[in-house]
């Protein structure tokens, strides 16, 4: 069951809503003003979750140009 972020056209506020089905998605209303003209927006959580993957290269990958044993990231990850 995904949680979506919505923007309300009536009061210009954003809110999150748990949507269980497409039918539920059609019934979403703003909790602040009750407006039903809402737009689903990309979730900030989803953007951060995708960016939270480890970016540390494995030891000895050769990306930093340092020879074997000189990598400052060796042993991390």
PDB file of N, CA and C in Angstrom:
ATOM      1  N   UNK A   1       0.849  -1.178   0.000  1.00  0.00           N
ATOM      2  CA  UNK A   1       0.000   0.000   0.000  1.00  0.00           C
ATOM      3  C   UNK A   1       0.896   1.244   0.000  1.00  0.00           C
ATOM      4  N   UNK A   2       0.966   1.919  -1.116  1.00  0.00           N
ATOM      5  CA  UNK A   2       1.844   3.085  -1.194  1.00  0.00           C
ATOM      6  C   UNK A   2       1.250   4.318  -0.536  1.00  0.00           C
ATOM      7  N   UNK A   3       2.139   5.152  -0.045  1.00  0.00           N
ATOM      8  CA  UNK A   3       1.766   6.465   0.478  1.00  0.00           C
ATOM      9  C   UNK A   3       2.159   7.470  -0.592  1.00  0.00           C
ATOM     10  N   UNK A   4       1.199   8.259  -1.040  1.00  0.00           N
ATOM     11  CA  UNK A   4       1.451   9.254  -2.071  1.00  0.00           C
ATOM     12  C   UNK A   4       1.390  10.650  -1.470  1.00  0.00           C
ATOM     13  N   UNK A   5       2.095  11.566  -2.088  1.00  0.00           N
ATOM     14  CA  UNK A   5       2.037  12.967  -1.701  1.00  0.00           C
ATOM     15  C   UNK A   5       1.156  13.686  -2.715  1.00  0.00           C
ATOM     16  N   UNK A   6       0.279  14.531  -2.212  1.00  0.00           N
ATOM     17  CA  UNK A   6      -0.655  15.272  -3.061  1.00  0.00           C
ATOM     18  C   UNK A   6      -0.533  16.764  -2.796  1.00  0.00           C
ATOM     19  N   UNK A   7      -0.893  17.562  -3.790  1.00  0.00           N
ATOM     20  CA  UNK A   7      -0.981  19.017  -3.655  1.00  0.00           C
ATOM     21  C   UNK A   7      -2.427  19.408  -3.920  1.00  0.00           C
ATOM     22  N   UNK A   8      -2.966  20.250  -3.067  1.00  0.00           N
ATOM     23  CA  UNK A   8      -4.346  20.697  -3.204  1.00  0.00           C
ATOM     24  C   UNK A   8      -4.393  22.001  -4.008  1.00  0.00           C
ATOM     25  N   UNK A   9      -5.231  22.027  -5.050  1.00  0.00           N
ATOM     26  CA  UNK A   9      -5.375  23.223  -5.886  1.00  0.00           C
ATOM     27  C   UNK A   9      -6.151  24.320  -5.161  1.00  0.00           C
ATOM     28  N   UNK A  10      -6.955  23.949  -4.195  1.00  0.00           N
ATOM     29  CA  UNK A  10      -7.813  24.919  -3.503  1.00  0.00           C
ATOM     30  C   UNK A  10      -7.057  25.725  -2.442  1.00  0.00           C
ATOM     31  N   UNK A  11      -6.295  25.030  -1.582  1.00  0.00           N
ATOM     32  CA  UNK A  11      -5.596  25.727  -0.490  1.00  0.00           C
ATOM     33  C   UNK A  11      -4.080  25.725  -0.643  1.00  0.00           C
ATOM     34  N   UNK A  12      -3.573  25.084  -1.697  1.00  0.00           N
ATOM     35  CA  UNK A  12      -2.146  25.067  -2.026  1.00  0.00           C
ATOM     36  C   UNK A  12      -1.292  24.387  -0.949  1.00  0.00           C
ATOM     37  N   UNK A  13      -1.861  23.447  -0.247  1.00  0.00           N
ATOM     38  CA  UNK A  13      -1.107  22.682   0.752  1.00  0.00           C
ATOM     39  C   UNK A  13      -0.774  21.303   0.208  1.00  0.00           C
ATOM     40  N   UNK A  14       0.263  20.702   0.776  1.00  0.00           N
ATOM     41  CA  UNK A  14       0.598  19.338   0.404  1.00  0.00           C
ATOM     42  C   UNK A  14       0.278  18.415   1.577  1.00  0.00           C
ATOM     43  N   UNK A  15      -0.038  17.172   1.246  1.00  0.00           N
ATOM     44  CA  UNK A  15      -0.353  16.188   2.274  1.00  0.00           C
ATOM     45  C   UNK A  15      -0.062  14.805   1.723  1.00  0.00           C
ATOM     46  N   UNK A  16       0.026  13.835   2.625  1.00  0.00           N
ATOM     47  CA  UNK A  16       0.267  12.454   2.237  1.00  0.00           C
ATOM     48  C   UNK A  16      -0.990  11.632   2.454  1.00  0.00           C
ATOM     49  N   UNK A  17      -1.172  10.632   1.614  1.00  0.00           N
ATOM     50  CA  UNK A  17      -2.365   9.790   1.705  1.00  0.00           C
ATOM     51  C   UNK A  17      -1.984   8.345   1.400  1.00  0.00           C
ATOM     52  N   UNK A  18      -2.455   7.440   2.221  1.00  0.00           N
ATOM     53  CA  UNK A  18      -2.282   6.011   1.988  1.00  0.00           C
ATOM     54  C   UNK A  18      -3.333   5.576   0.979  1.00  0.00           C
ATOM     55  N   UNK A  19      -2.898   5.047  -0.152  1.00  0.00           N
ATOM     56  CA  UNK A  19      -3.818   4.665  -1.226  1.00  0.00           C
ATOM     57  C   UNK A  19      -3.745   3.159  -1.412  1.00  0.00           C
ATOM     58  N   UNK A  20      -4.846   2.487  -1.164  1.00  0.00           N
ATOM     59  CA  UNK A  20      -4.896   1.031  -1.247  1.00  0.00           C
ATOM     60  C   UNK A  20      -5.242   0.524  -2.637  1.00  0.00           C
ATOM     61  N   UNK A  21      -5.968   1.338  -3.416  1.00  0.00           N
ATOM     62  CA  UNK A  21      -6.376   0.920  -4.757  1.00  0.00           C
ATOM     63  C   UNK A  21      -6.593   2.158  -5.623  1.00  0.00           C
ATOM     64  N   UNK A  22      -6.774   1.930  -6.911  1.00  0.00           N
ATOM     65  CA  UNK A  22      -7.045   3.036  -7.836  1.00  0.00           C
ATOM     66  C   UNK A  22      -8.377   3.710  -7.484  1.00  0.00           C
ATOM     67  N   UNK A  23      -9.312   2.917  -7.004  1.00  0.00           N
ATOM     68  CA  UNK A  23     -10.609   3.462  -6.588  1.00  0.00           C
ATOM     69  C   UNK A  23     -10.416   4.433  -5.414  1.00  0.00           C
ATOM     70  N   UNK A  24      -9.559   4.077  -4.448  1.00  0.00           N
ATOM     71  CA  UNK A  24      -9.264   4.980  -3.333  1.00  0.00           C
ATOM     72  C   UNK A  24      -8.569   6.247  -3.821  1.00  0.00           C
ATOM     73  N   UNK A  25      -7.704   6.112  -4.819  1.00  0.00           N
ATOM     74  CA  UNK A  25      -6.986   7.271  -5.354  1.00  0.00           C
ATOM     75  C   UNK A  25      -7.954   8.300  -5.932  1.00  0.00           C
ATOM     76  N   UNK A  26      -9.062   7.845  -6.487  1.00  0.00           N
ATOM     77  CA  UNK A  26     -10.059   8.756  -7.056  1.00  0.00           C
ATOM     78  C   UNK A  26     -10.887   9.468  -5.989  1.00  0.00           C
ATOM     79  N   UNK A  27     -10.783   9.033  -4.753  1.00  0.00           N
ATOM     80  CA  UNK A  27     -11.565   9.621  -3.652  1.00  0.00           C
ATOM     81  C   UNK A  27     -10.741  10.518  -2.737  1.00  0.00           C
ATOM     82  N   UNK A  28      -9.487  10.760  -3.068  1.00  0.00           N
ATOM     83  CA  UNK A  28      -8.612  11.546  -2.197  1.00  0.00           C
ATOM     84  C   UNK A  28      -9.126  12.978  -2.100  1.00  0.00           C
ATOM     85  N   UNK A  29      -9.192  13.471  -0.869  1.00  0.00           N
ATOM     86  CA  UNK A  29      -9.593  14.855  -0.611  1.00  0.00           C
ATOM     87  C   UNK A  29      -8.586  15.486   0.353  1.00  0.00           C
ATOM     88  N   UNK A  30      -8.393  16.767   0.236  1.00  0.00           N
ATOM     89  CA  UNK A  30      -7.464  17.493   1.102  1.00  0.00           C
ATOM     90  C   UNK A  30      -7.973  17.478   2.548  1.00  0.00           C
ATOM     91  N   UNK A  31      -7.132  17.070   3.495  1.00  0.00           N
ATOM     92  CA  UNK A  31      -7.573  17.041   4.887  1.00  0.00           C
ATOM     93  C   UNK A  31      -7.697  18.439   5.508  1.00  0.00           C
ATOM     94  N   UNK A  32      -7.123  19.449   4.876  1.00  0.00           N
ATOM     95  CA  UNK A  32      -7.158  20.810   5.421  1.00  0.00           C
ATOM     96  C   UNK A  32      -8.428  21.556   5.031  1.00  0.00           C
ATOM     97  N   UNK A  33      -8.820  21.459   3.734  1.00  0.00           N
ATOM     98  CA  UNK A  33      -9.975  22.233   3.271  1.00  0.00           C
ATOM     99  C   UNK A  33     -11.082  21.370   2.666  1.00  0.00           C
ATOM    100  N   UNK A  34     -10.802  20.075   2.479  1.00  0.00           N
ATOM    101  CA  UNK A  34     -11.795  19.185   1.890  1.00  0.00           C
ATOM    102  C   UNK A  34     -11.837  19.211   0.376  1.00  0.00           C
ATOM    103  N   UNK A  35     -10.956  20.000  -0.241  1.00  0.00           N
ATOM    104  CA  UNK A  35     -10.932  20.100  -1.693  1.00  0.00           C
ATOM    105  C   UNK A  35     -10.629  18.759  -2.356  1.00  0.00           C
ATOM    106  N   UNK A  36     -11.312  18.503  -3.469  1.00  0.00           N
ATOM    107  CA  UNK A  36     -11.133  17.229  -4.164  1.00  0.00           C
ATOM    108  C   UNK A  36     -10.292  17.380  -5.425  1.00  0.00           C
ATOM    109  N   UNK A  37      -9.913  18.603  -5.764  1.00  0.00           N
ATOM    110  CA  UNK A  37      -9.041  18.818  -6.918  1.00  0.00           C
ATOM    111  C   UNK A  37      -7.593  18.774  -6.422  1.00  0.00           C
ATOM    112  N   UNK A  38      -7.042  17.564  -6.431  1.00  0.00           N
ATOM    113  CA  UNK A  38      -5.688  17.338  -5.925  1.00  0.00           C
ATOM    114  C   UNK A  38      -4.840  16.703  -7.024  1.00  0.00           C
ATOM    115  N   UNK A  39      -3.549  16.932  -6.940  1.00  0.00           N
ATOM    116  CA  UNK A  39      -2.606  16.392  -7.910  1.00  0.00           C
ATOM    117  C   UNK A  39      -1.563  15.564  -7.175  1.00  0.00           C
ATOM    118  N   UNK A  40      -1.337  14.351  -7.645  1.00  0.00           N
ATOM    119  CA  UNK A  40      -0.321  13.497  -7.028  1.00  0.00           C
ATOM    120  C   UNK A  40       1.045  14.004  -7.444  1.00  0.00           C
ATOM    121  N   UNK A  41       1.940  14.106  -6.477  1.00  0.00           N
ATOM    122  CA  UNK A  41       3.283  14.614  -6.716  1.00  0.00           C
ATOM    123  C   UNK A  41       4.306  13.530  -6.420  1.00  0.00           C
ATOM    124  N   UNK A  42       5.503  13.664  -6.976  1.00  0.00           N
ATOM    125  CA  UNK A  42       6.553  12.698  -6.630  1.00  0.00           C
ATOM    126  C   UNK A  42       6.842  12.764  -5.139  1.00  0.00           C
ATOM    127  N   UNK A  43       6.982  11.633  -4.533  1.00  0.00           N
ATOM    128  CA  UNK A  43       7.208  11.569  -3.091  1.00  0.00           C
ATOM    129  C   UNK A  43       8.633  11.953  -2.750  1.00  0.00           C
ATOM    130  N   UNK A  44       8.791  12.807  -1.760  1.00  0.00           N
ATOM    131  CA  UNK A  44      10.116  13.182  -1.286  1.00  0.00           C
ATOM    132  C   UNK A  44      10.807  11.962  -0.700  1.00  0.00           C
ATOM    133  N   UNK A  45      10.060  11.114  -0.012  1.00  0.00           N
ATOM    134  CA  UNK A  45      10.622   9.904   0.569  1.00  0.00           C
ATOM    135  C   UNK A  45      11.211   9.016  -0.514  1.00  0.00           C
ATOM    136  N   UNK A  46      10.493   8.839  -1.597  1.00  0.00           N
ATOM    137  CA  UNK A  46      10.965   7.982  -2.684  1.00  0.00           C
ATOM    138  C   UNK A  46      12.248   8.539  -3.271  1.00  0.00           C
ATOM    139  N   UNK A  47      12.334   9.851  -3.409  1.00  0.00           N
ATOM    140  CA  UNK A  47      13.542  10.447  -3.956  1.00  0.00           C
ATOM    141  C   UNK A  47      14.717  10.238  -3.012  1.00  0.00           C
ATOM    142  N   UNK A  48      14.512  10.401  -1.722  1.00  0.00           N
ATOM    143  CA  UNK A  48      15.589  10.195  -0.759  1.00  0.00           C
ATOM    144  C   UNK A  48      15.940   8.724  -0.622  1.00  0.00           C
ATOM    145  N   UNK A  49      14.965   7.855  -0.687  1.00  0.00           N
ATOM    146  CA  UNK A  49      15.239   6.429  -0.545  1.00  0.00           C
ATOM    147  C   UNK A  49      16.115   5.939  -1.690  1.00  0.00           C
ATOM    148  N   UNK A  50      15.871   6.415  -2.878  1.00  0.00           N
ATOM    149  CA  UNK A  50      16.687   6.006  -4.021  1.00  0.00           C
ATOM    150  C   UNK A  50      18.093   6.564  -3.900  1.00  0.00           C
ATOM    151  N   UNK A  51      18.230   7.743  -3.336  1.00  0.00           N
ATOM    152  CA  UNK A  51      19.540   8.359  -3.202  1.00  0.00           C
ATOM    153  C   UNK A  51      20.327   7.802  -2.028  1.00  0.00           C
ATOM    154  N   UNK A  52      19.704   7.019  -1.172  1.00  0.00           N
ATOM    155  CA  UNK A  52      20.385   6.543   0.019  1.00  0.00           C
ATOM    156  C   UNK A  52      21.201   5.274  -0.210  1.00  0.00           C
ATOM    157  N   UNK A  53      21.240   4.793  -1.432  1.00  0.00           N
ATOM    158  CA  UNK A  53      22.047   3.615  -1.721  1.00  0.00           C
ATOM    159  C   UNK A  53      23.515   3.939  -1.507  1.00  0.00           C
ATOM    160  N   UNK A  54      24.285   2.983  -1.048  1.00  0.00           N
ATOM    161  CA  UNK A  54      25.710   3.237  -0.825  1.00  0.00           C
ATOM    162  C   UNK A  54      26.401   3.656  -2.125  1.00  0.00           C
ATOM    163  N   UNK A  55      27.205   4.699  -2.030  1.00  0.00           N
ATOM    164  CA  UNK A  55      27.945   5.172  -3.189  1.00  0.00           C
ATOM    165  C   UNK A  55      29.428   4.881  -3.065  1.00  0.00           C
ATOM    166  N   UNK A  56      29.829   4.249  -1.986  1.00  0.00           N
ATOM    167  CA  UNK A  56      31.228   3.929  -1.772  1.00  0.00           C
ATOM    168  C   UNK A  56      31.653   2.796  -2.699  1.00  0.00           C
ATOM    169  N   UNK A  57      32.662   3.033  -3.524  1.00  0.00           N
ATOM    170  CA  UNK A  57      33.117   1.952  -4.391  1.00  0.00           C
ATOM    171  C   UNK A  57      33.811   0.869  -3.575  1.00  0.00           C
ATOM    172  N   UNK A  58      33.792  -0.349  -4.035  1.00  0.00           N
ATOM    173  CA  UNK A  58      34.466  -1.417  -3.313  1.00  0.00           C
ATOM    174  C   UNK A  58      35.971  -1.202  -3.306  1.00  0.00           C
ATOM    175  N   UNK A  59      36.646  -1.716  -2.292  1.00  0.00           N
ATOM    176  CA  UNK A  59      38.099  -1.579  -2.179  1.00  0.00           C
ATOM    177  C   UNK A  59      38.769  -2.155  -3.417  1.00  0.00           C
ATOM    178  N   UNK A  60      39.753  -1.430  -3.927  1.00  0.00           N
ATOM    179  CA  UNK A  60      40.500  -1.907  -5.075  1.00  0.00           C
ATOM    180  C   UNK A  60      39.769  -1.744  -6.388  1.00  0.00           C
ATOM    181  N   UNK A  61      38.806  -0.835  -6.470  1.00  0.00           N
ATOM    182  CA  UNK A  61      38.025  -0.688  -7.697  1.00  0.00           C
ATOM    183  C   UNK A  61      38.773   0.111  -8.754  1.00  0.00           C
ATOM    184  N   UNK A  62      39.749   0.904  -8.342  1.00  0.00           N
ATOM    185  CA  UNK A  62      40.527   1.683  -9.288  1.00  0.00           C
ATOM    186  C   UNK A  62      39.920   3.025  -9.648  1.00  0.00           C
ATOM    187  N   UNK A  63      38.797   3.391  -9.052  1.00  0.00           N
ATOM    188  CA  UNK A  63      38.141   4.643  -9.407  1.00  0.00           C
ATOM    189  C   UNK A  63      38.891   5.874  -8.926  1.00  0.00           C
ATOM    190  N   UNK A  64      39.622   5.760  -7.852  1.00  0.00           N
ATOM    191  CA  UNK A  64      40.283   6.951  -7.321  1.00  0.00           C
ATOM    192  C   UNK A  64      41.686   7.131  -7.894  1.00  0.00           C
ATOM    193  N   UNK A  65      42.191   6.167  -8.618  1.00  0.00           N
ATOM    194  CA  UNK A  65      43.504   6.279  -9.233  1.00  0.00           C
ATOM    195  C   UNK A  65      44.657   5.937  -8.303  1.00  0.00           C
ATOM    196  N   UNK A  66      44.374   5.582  -7.075  1.00  0.00           N
ATOM    197  CA  UNK A  66      45.430   5.202  -6.144  1.00  0.00           C
ATOM    198  C   UNK A  66      45.734   3.724  -6.299  1.00  0.00           C
ATOM    199  N   UNK A  67      46.945   3.376  -6.084  1.00  0.00           N
ATOM    200  CA  UNK A  67      47.355   1.976  -6.213  1.00  0.00           C
ATOM    201  C   UNK A  67      46.788   1.107  -5.114  1.00  0.00           C
ATOM    202  N   UNK A  68      46.961  -0.200  -5.243  1.00  0.00           N
ATOM    203  CA  UNK A  68      46.478  -1.151  -4.242  1.00  0.00           C
ATOM    204  C   UNK A  68      47.017  -0.808  -2.861  1.00  0.00           C
ATOM    205  N   UNK A  69      46.171  -0.872  -1.884  1.00  0.00           N
ATOM    206  CA  UNK A  69      46.568  -0.611  -0.504  1.00  0.00           C
ATOM    207  C   UNK A  69      46.539   0.858  -0.137  1.00  0.00           C
ATOM    208  N   UNK A  70      46.416   1.775  -1.097  1.00  0.00           N
ATOM    209  CA  UNK A  70      46.423   3.214  -0.802  1.00  0.00           C
ATOM    210  C   UNK A  70      45.027   3.806  -0.811  1.00  0.00           C
ATOM    211  N   UNK A  71      44.017   3.017  -1.154  1.00  0.00           N
ATOM    212  CA  UNK A  71      42.651   3.535  -1.236  1.00  0.00           C
ATOM    213  C   UNK A  71      42.160   3.960   0.148  1.00  0.00           C
ATOM    214  N   UNK A  72      41.734   5.235   0.286  1.00  0.00           N
ATOM    215  CA  UNK A  72      41.238   5.703   1.597  1.00  0.00           C
ATOM    216  C   UNK A  72      39.904   5.085   1.984  1.00  0.00           C
ATOM    217  N   UNK A  73      39.218   4.457   1.057  1.00  0.00           N
ATOM    218  CA  UNK A  73      37.923   3.863   1.347  1.00  0.00           C
ATOM    219  C   UNK A  73      38.004   2.350   1.575  1.00  0.00           C
ATOM    220  N   UNK A  74      39.175   1.787   1.475  1.00  0.00           N
ATOM    221  CA  UNK A  74      39.332   0.358   1.654  1.00  0.00           C
ATOM    222  C   UNK A  74      38.838  -0.065   3.031  1.00  0.00           C
ATOM    223  N   UNK A  75      38.034  -1.096   3.064  1.00  0.00           N
ATOM    224  CA  UNK A  75      37.510  -1.601   4.333  1.00  0.00           C
ATOM    225  C   UNK A  75      36.213  -0.950   4.752  1.00  0.00           C
ATOM    226  N   UNK A  76      35.741   0.045   4.019  1.00  0.00           N
ATOM    227  CA  UNK A  76      34.455   0.689   4.330  1.00  0.00           C
ATOM    228  C   UNK A  76      33.373   0.082   3.466  1.00  0.00           C
ATOM    229  N   UNK A  77      32.108   0.278   3.904  1.00  0.00           N
ATOM    230  CA  UNK A  77      30.979  -0.152   3.074  1.00  0.00           C
ATOM    231  C   UNK A  77      30.258  -1.207   3.678  1.00  0.00           C
TER     232      UNK A  77
END
